[in-house]
Protein backbone atom coordinates (compact mmCIF):
# COMPACT_ATOMS: atom_id res chain seq x y z
CA UNK A 1 -113.70 221.12 -9.90
CA UNK A 2 -114.78 224.48 -8.62
CA UNK A 3 -113.52 227.50 -10.50
CA UNK A 4 -112.67 229.26 -7.22
CA UNK A 5 -110.45 226.35 -6.11
CA UNK A 6 -108.83 226.16 -9.54
CA UNK A 7 -108.02 229.89 -9.51
CA UNK A 8 -106.71 229.56 -6.00
CA UNK A 9 -104.36 226.77 -7.00
CA UNK A 10 -103.30 228.69 -10.09
CA UNK A 11 -102.53 231.84 -8.12
CA UNK A 12 -100.68 229.90 -5.44
CA UNK A 13 -98.64 228.10 -8.09
CA UNK A 14 -97.75 231.40 -9.75
CA UNK A 15 -96.73 232.88 -6.41
CA UNK A 16 -94.63 229.82 -5.63
CA UNK A 17 -92.95 230.11 -9.01
CA UNK A 18 -92.08 233.75 -8.30
CA UNK A 19 -90.55 232.75 -4.96
CA UNK A 20 -88.48 229.99 -6.57
CA UNK A 21 -87.30 232.38 -9.27
CA UNK A 22 -86.26 234.86 -6.57
CA UNK A 23 -83.76 232.29 -5.27
CA UNK A 24 -82.20 232.10 -8.73
CA UNK A 25 -82.32 235.83 -9.37
CA UNK A 26 -79.97 238.72 -8.85
CA UNK A 27 -81.99 240.02 -5.88
CA UNK A 28 -81.12 236.99 -3.74
CA UNK A 29 -80.24 238.03 -0.19
CA UNK A 30 -79.21 235.38 2.29
CA UNK A 31 -80.71 237.35 5.17
CA UNK A 32 -84.23 237.16 3.78
CA UNK A 33 -83.85 233.75 2.15
CA UNK A 34 -85.16 231.88 5.20
CA UNK A 35 -88.40 233.88 5.20
CA UNK A 36 -88.82 233.37 1.46
CA UNK A 37 -88.15 229.64 1.89
CA UNK A 38 -90.78 229.40 4.64
CA UNK A 39 -93.29 231.19 2.41
CA UNK A 40 -92.52 228.82 -0.45
CA UNK A 41 -92.78 225.78 1.81
CA UNK A 42 -96.17 226.91 3.14
CA UNK A 43 -97.48 227.56 -0.37
CA UNK A 44 -96.28 224.16 -1.56
CA UNK A 45 -98.10 222.49 1.34
CA UNK A 46 -101.29 224.44 0.59
CA UNK A 47 -101.12 223.51 -3.09
CA UNK A 48 -100.60 219.87 -2.19
CA UNK A 49 -103.65 219.92 0.11
CA UNK A 50 -105.77 221.69 -2.52
CA UNK A 51 -104.80 219.10 -5.13
CA UNK A 52 -105.51 216.24 -2.74
CA UNK A 53 -108.93 217.72 -2.06
CA UNK A 54 -109.63 217.97 -5.79
CA UNK A 55 -108.42 214.42 -6.31
CA UNK A 56 -110.86 213.20 -3.67
CA UNK A 57 -113.66 215.20 -5.29
CA UNK A 58 -112.92 213.60 -8.66
CA UNK A 59 -112.90 210.13 -7.09
CA UNK A 60 -116.29 210.75 -5.48
CA UNK A 61 -117.74 211.91 -8.79
CA UNK A 62 -116.23 208.93 -10.55
CA UNK A 63 -117.69 206.54 -7.97
CA UNK A 64 -121.13 208.11 -8.40
CA UNK A 65 -120.80 207.83 -12.17
CA UNK A 66 -119.61 204.23 -11.99
CA UNK A 67 -122.50 203.38 -9.66
CA UNK A 68 -125.10 204.93 -11.94
CA UNK A 69 -123.82 203.13 -15.05
CA UNK A 70 -124.31 199.68 -13.56
């Protein structure tokens, strides 16, 4: 797992958490909620894609390892 990808996922997750907390906070404003929701949705999709990419990377490494053990 590349450190750059890991940091990217970590920072995206932290940003998503801040957005979610905004919805529960005192600063909630219905007029900007749609924009915040769209930002959160986009971040969640990016995180999901990043994790899927990492999962595929791990599978490839595992397959190489399994092939070399036999």
